[in-house]
N, C-alpha and C. Protein backbone atom coordinates (compact mmCIF):
# COMPACT_ATOMS: atom_id res chain seq x y z
N MET A 1 43.48 16.47 44.08
CA MET A 1 43.75 14.86 43.25
C MET A 1 43.68 14.71 41.56
N LYS A 2 44.23 13.94 41.37
CA LYS A 2 45.18 13.88 39.81
C LYS A 2 44.53 14.04 38.61
N LYS A 3 44.02 14.84 37.72
CA LYS A 3 43.34 14.46 36.59
C LYS A 3 43.77 13.48 35.80
N TRP A 4 42.66 12.62 35.64
CA TRP A 4 43.04 11.13 34.61
C TRP A 4 43.33 11.69 33.28
N ILE A 5 44.14 11.02 32.39
CA ILE A 5 44.88 11.61 31.19
C ILE A 5 44.67 10.28 30.97
N PRO A 6 44.23 9.86 29.53
CA PRO A 6 44.09 8.11 28.66
C PRO A 6 45.68 8.40 28.02
N GLU A 7 46.09 7.12 28.65
CA GLU A 7 47.69 7.04 27.83
C GLU A 7 47.10 6.54 25.90
N HIS A 8 46.25 6.01 25.91
CA HIS A 8 45.91 5.43 24.92
C HIS A 8 45.16 5.88 23.80
N GLU A 9 45.03 6.31 22.69
CA GLU A 9 43.91 6.97 21.71
C GLU A 9 42.61 5.85 21.62
N ALA A 10 41.35 6.55 21.60
CA ALA A 10 40.37 5.32 21.79
C ALA A 10 40.04 4.60 20.33
N PRO A 11 40.00 3.68 20.30
CA PRO A 11 39.92 2.70 18.48
C PRO A 11 38.70 3.08 17.87
N GLU A 12 38.97 3.61 16.89
CA GLU A 12 37.54 3.93 15.43
C GLU A 12 36.58 2.75 16.52
N PRO A 13 35.01 3.74 16.48
CA PRO A 13 34.01 2.71 16.97
C PRO A 13 33.49 1.63 15.71
N LEU A 14 33.40 0.44 16.06
CA LEU A 14 33.04 -0.57 15.31
C LEU A 14 31.60 -0.40 14.16
N GLU A 15 32.10 -0.60 13.17
CA GLU A 15 30.88 -0.60 12.05
C GLU A 15 30.39 -2.18 11.98
N GLY A 16 29.19 -2.21 12.04
CA GLY A 16 28.98 -3.34 10.91
C GLY A 16 27.51 -3.15 10.36
N PRO A 17 26.59 -4.05 9.73
CA PRO A 17 25.38 -3.91 8.79
C PRO A 17 24.25 -3.75 9.68
N VAL A 18 24.20 -2.06 10.78
CA VAL A 18 23.34 -1.65 11.72
C VAL A 18 22.17 -1.66 11.18
N VAL A 19 21.80 -2.01 9.72
CA VAL A 19 20.59 -1.45 9.34
C VAL A 19 19.82 -2.95 8.85
N ALA A 20 20.54 -3.86 8.62
CA ALA A 20 20.27 -5.14 8.67
C ALA A 20 19.89 -5.96 9.89
N THR A 21 20.94 -5.48 10.91
CA THR A 21 20.82 -5.86 12.03
C THR A 21 19.41 -5.91 13.06
N VAL A 22 19.03 -4.70 12.58
CA VAL A 22 17.94 -4.11 13.33
C VAL A 22 16.47 -4.18 12.83
N THR A 23 16.66 -4.32 11.41
CA THR A 23 15.40 -4.71 10.43
C THR A 23 15.37 -6.26 10.78
N GLY A 24 16.05 -7.32 11.19
CA GLY A 24 15.92 -8.44 11.39
C GLY A 24 15.68 -8.64 12.59
N GLY A 25 15.78 -8.19 13.41
CA GLY A 25 15.15 -7.71 14.90
C GLY A 25 14.21 -7.70 15.25
N THR A 26 14.00 -6.49 14.44
CA THR A 26 12.13 -6.41 14.42
C THR A 26 11.92 -7.22 13.87
N ILE A 27 12.08 -8.16 12.39
CA ILE A 27 11.00 -9.06 11.90
C ILE A 27 10.79 -10.08 13.06
N LEU A 28 11.88 -10.53 13.57
CA LEU A 28 11.74 -11.59 14.88
C LEU A 28 11.12 -11.26 15.25
N TRP A 29 11.20 -10.11 16.32
CA TRP A 29 10.25 -9.31 17.53
C TRP A 29 8.42 -9.60 16.39
N PHE A 30 7.89 -9.58 15.35
CA PHE A 30 6.78 -9.45 14.76
C PHE A 30 6.24 -11.14 14.84
N VAL A 31 7.85 -11.90 14.22
CA VAL A 31 7.43 -12.87 14.13
C VAL A 31 6.93 -13.87 15.20
N LEU A 32 7.80 -13.61 16.29
CA LEU A 32 7.42 -13.86 17.79
C LEU A 32 6.02 -13.63 18.23
N PHE A 33 5.21 -12.05 17.71
CA PHE A 33 4.20 -11.77 18.39
C PHE A 33 2.75 -12.73 17.49
N LEU A 34 3.34 -13.04 15.97
CA LEU A 34 2.19 -13.44 15.31
C LEU A 34 2.17 -14.94 15.31
N VAL A 35 3.21 -15.85 16.03
CA VAL A 35 3.68 -16.89 16.26
C VAL A 35 2.47 -17.55 17.80
N GLN A 36 2.61 -16.23 18.76
CA GLN A 36 1.31 -16.49 20.06
C GLN A 36 0.70 -16.01 20.08
N LEU A 37 0.16 -15.51 18.71
CA LEU A 37 -0.82 -15.20 18.67
C LEU A 37 -2.56 -16.22 18.59
N PRO A 38 -2.08 -17.44 18.31
CA PRO A 38 -2.88 -18.30 18.17
C PRO A 38 -3.43 -18.80 19.81
N PHE A 39 -2.64 -18.97 20.84
CA PHE A 39 -2.69 -19.14 21.90
C PHE A 39 -2.53 -18.11 22.79
N TYR A 40 -3.79 -16.72 22.44
CA TYR A 40 -3.52 -15.89 23.50
C TYR A 40 -4.72 -16.35 24.59
N GLY A 41 -5.61 -17.60 24.83
CA GLY A 41 -6.41 -17.55 25.09
C GLY A 41 -5.72 -18.58 26.44
N TRP A 42 -4.49 -19.31 26.04
CA TRP A 42 -3.49 -19.76 27.35
C TRP A 42 -3.14 -19.45 27.87
N TYR A 43 -2.32 -18.01 27.10
CA TYR A 43 -1.57 -17.12 28.31
C TYR A 43 -2.48 -16.18 28.86
N ASP A 44 -3.71 -16.26 28.46
CA ASP A 44 -4.42 -15.44 29.37
C ASP A 44 -4.58 -15.87 30.72
N ASP A 45 -4.87 -17.16 30.57
CA ASP A 45 -5.69 -18.12 31.68
C ASP A 45 -4.23 -18.41 32.80
N HIS A 46 -3.12 -18.25 32.17
CA HIS A 46 -1.62 -18.76 32.59
C HIS A 46 -1.03 -17.38 33.43
N GLY A 47 -1.55 -16.45 33.22
CA GLY A 47 -0.83 -14.85 33.76
C GLY A 47 0.07 -14.53 32.59
N HIS A 48 0.52 -14.79 31.47
CA HIS A 48 1.24 -14.90 30.44
C HIS A 48 1.35 -14.32 29.48
N LEU A 49 0.26 -12.88 29.64
CA LEU A 49 -0.23 -12.52 28.63
C LEU A 49 0.86 -10.90 27.98
N TRP A 50 1.47 -10.86 29.21
CA TRP A 50 2.49 -9.63 28.55
C TRP A 50 3.98 -10.40 27.52
N TRP A 51 3.70 -11.46 27.35
CA TRP A 51 4.72 -11.75 27.01
C TRP A 51 4.73 -11.49 25.14
N ILE A 52 2.87 -11.57 24.79
CA ILE A 52 2.41 -11.35 23.73
C ILE A 52 2.75 -10.19 23.36
N TRP A 53 2.71 -9.43 24.32
CA TRP A 53 2.28 -7.41 24.20
C TRP A 53 3.46 -7.08 24.30
N THR A 54 4.83 -8.05 25.01
CA THR A 54 6.55 -7.26 24.91
C THR A 54 6.33 -7.89 23.23
N CYS A 55 6.62 -8.92 22.95
CA CYS A 55 6.52 -8.60 20.98
C CYS A 55 6.52 -7.89 20.51
N LEU A 56 4.52 -7.93 20.86
CA LEU A 56 4.28 -6.39 19.54
C LEU A 56 4.82 -4.75 20.20
N ALA A 57 5.92 -4.33 21.34
CA ALA A 57 6.39 -3.79 21.16
C ALA A 57 7.84 -3.70 20.93
N GLY A 58 8.49 -4.81 21.02
CA GLY A 58 9.55 -5.01 20.50
C GLY A 58 9.44 -4.76 19.23
N ALA A 59 8.75 -5.33 18.30
CA ALA A 59 8.53 -4.90 16.79
C ALA A 59 8.06 -3.29 16.47
N ALA A 60 7.62 -2.89 17.28
CA ALA A 60 6.76 -1.28 17.05
C ALA A 60 7.96 -0.69 17.33
N LEU A 61 9.16 -0.53 18.36
CA LEU A 61 10.46 -0.06 18.89
C LEU A 61 11.49 -0.53 17.88
N GLY A 62 11.16 -1.91 17.13
CA GLY A 62 12.24 -1.58 15.99
C GLY A 62 11.97 -1.00 15.06
N LEU A 63 10.31 -0.83 14.63
CA LEU A 63 10.24 0.46 13.80
C LEU A 63 10.98 1.80 13.56
N ILE A 64 11.08 2.12 14.80
CA ILE A 64 11.18 3.20 15.48
C ILE A 64 12.92 3.11 14.97
N GLY A 65 13.54 2.08 15.31
CA GLY A 65 14.85 1.44 15.57
C GLY A 65 15.17 1.76 13.92
N ILE A 66 14.73 0.95 13.34
CA ILE A 66 15.52 0.95 11.99
C ILE A 66 14.71 2.37 11.17
N TRP A 67 14.13 3.24 11.35
CA TRP A 67 13.73 4.78 11.18
C TRP A 67 14.80 5.56 10.88
N TYR A 68 15.46 5.54 12.57
CA TYR A 68 16.82 5.68 13.08
C TYR A 68 17.81 5.52 12.54
N VAL A 69 18.41 4.22 12.26
CA VAL A 69 19.72 3.64 12.06
C VAL A 69 19.53 4.06 10.53
N ARG A 70 18.58 4.23 9.22
CA ARG A 70 18.76 4.58 8.08
C ARG A 70 18.84 5.73 7.96
N LYS A 71 18.31 6.86 8.37
CA LYS A 71 18.81 8.32 8.81
C LYS A 71 20.36 8.42 9.19
N ARG A 72 20.59 7.78 10.15
CA ARG A 72 22.39 7.60 10.54
C ARG A 72 23.37 7.36 9.26
N ASP A 73 22.69 6.12 8.93
CA ASP A 73 23.25 5.61 7.62
C ASP A 73 23.55 6.31 6.28
N ALA A 74 22.38 7.04 6.30
CA ALA A 74 22.32 7.90 5.39
C ALA A 74 23.12 9.50 5.34
N ALA A 75 23.12 9.41 7.11
CA ALA A 75 23.96 11.05 7.54
C ALA A 75 25.74 10.20 7.18
N ILE A 76 25.71 9.61 7.38
CA ILE A 76 27.50 8.81 7.55
C ILE A 76 27.71 8.96 6.39
N LYS A 77 27.04 8.82 5.18
CA LYS A 77 27.36 8.58 3.51
C LYS A 77 27.67 9.99 3.38
N ARG A 78 26.54 10.28 3.61
CA ARG A 78 26.45 11.85 2.91
C ARG A 78 27.78 12.57 3.77
N ASP A 79 28.27 12.69 5.01
CA ASP A 79 29.24 13.22 5.12
C ASP A 79 30.50 13.00 4.57
N ALA A 80 30.46 11.01 4.31
CA ALA A 80 31.71 11.03 3.84
C ALA A 80 31.95 11.73 2.39
N ALA A 81 30.77 11.45 1.75
CA ALA A 81 30.80 11.92 0.58
C ALA A 81 31.26 13.60 0.57
N SER A 82 31.27 14.30 1.26
CA SER A 82 31.23 15.82 1.24
C SER A 82 32.64 16.19 1.02
N GLY A 83 33.71 14.69 1.77
CA GLY A 83 35.22 15.20 1.67
C GLY A 83 35.69 15.07 2.59
N PRO A 84 37.00 15.50 3.02
CA PRO A 84 37.55 15.41 4.09
C PRO A 84 37.29 16.60 4.99
N THR A 85 37.66 16.45 6.77
CA THR A 85 37.15 17.92 7.40
C THR A 85 38.70 17.70 7.76
N GLU A 86 38.54 19.05 8.29
CA GLU A 86 39.94 19.00 9.03
C GLU A 86 39.61 18.75 10.70
N PRO A 87 40.84 18.61 11.30
CA PRO A 87 40.98 17.39 12.27
C PRO A 87 40.65 18.61 13.65
N VAL A 88 40.37 18.07 14.22
CA VAL A 88 40.03 19.23 15.59
C VAL A 88 40.99 18.69 16.42
N GLY A 89 41.47 19.98 17.18
CA GLY A 89 43.12 20.10 17.58
C GLY A 89 42.44 19.31 19.26
N PRO A 90 43.13 19.10 20.33
CA PRO A 90 43.18 18.85 21.60
C PRO A 90 42.37 19.79 22.46
N LEU A 91 41.41 19.25 23.38
CA LEU A 91 41.06 19.67 24.21
C LEU A 91 41.59 20.88 24.93
N PRO A 92 40.98 21.74 25.48
CA PRO A 92 41.92 22.95 26.04
C PRO A 92 41.98 22.13 27.51
N ASP A 93 42.96 22.60 28.35
CA ASP A 93 42.78 21.73 29.67
C ASP A 93 41.69 22.73 30.45
C-alpha cells in the first residue's frame, strides 16, 4: 500500500476573535438560563426541566472555555513577542 503524501501545504489556521466569541457564547447561555428560571414550574410539569440545566451547564463550561482561550491567547502573544524560531525540517520517512 502506497503511503499518502500531501500535494499541497496545509493552509495557516484561521484566527479570529476567539476570546470574544467564547465570552459571548457564555453570556448567551447564562442569559438563557436566567430567562427560563421564572418558568421552572412549567418546565417541570412538562418534562422539559433539562432545558434549564443545559443552559446552566453551557454557562459553566463557557467559564472554563474563557479561562482556556485567554491562556491560549496570552501564550500565542508571548511566543510572537519572543521572536522568530528556526523552522522545523521535513519529517523523516
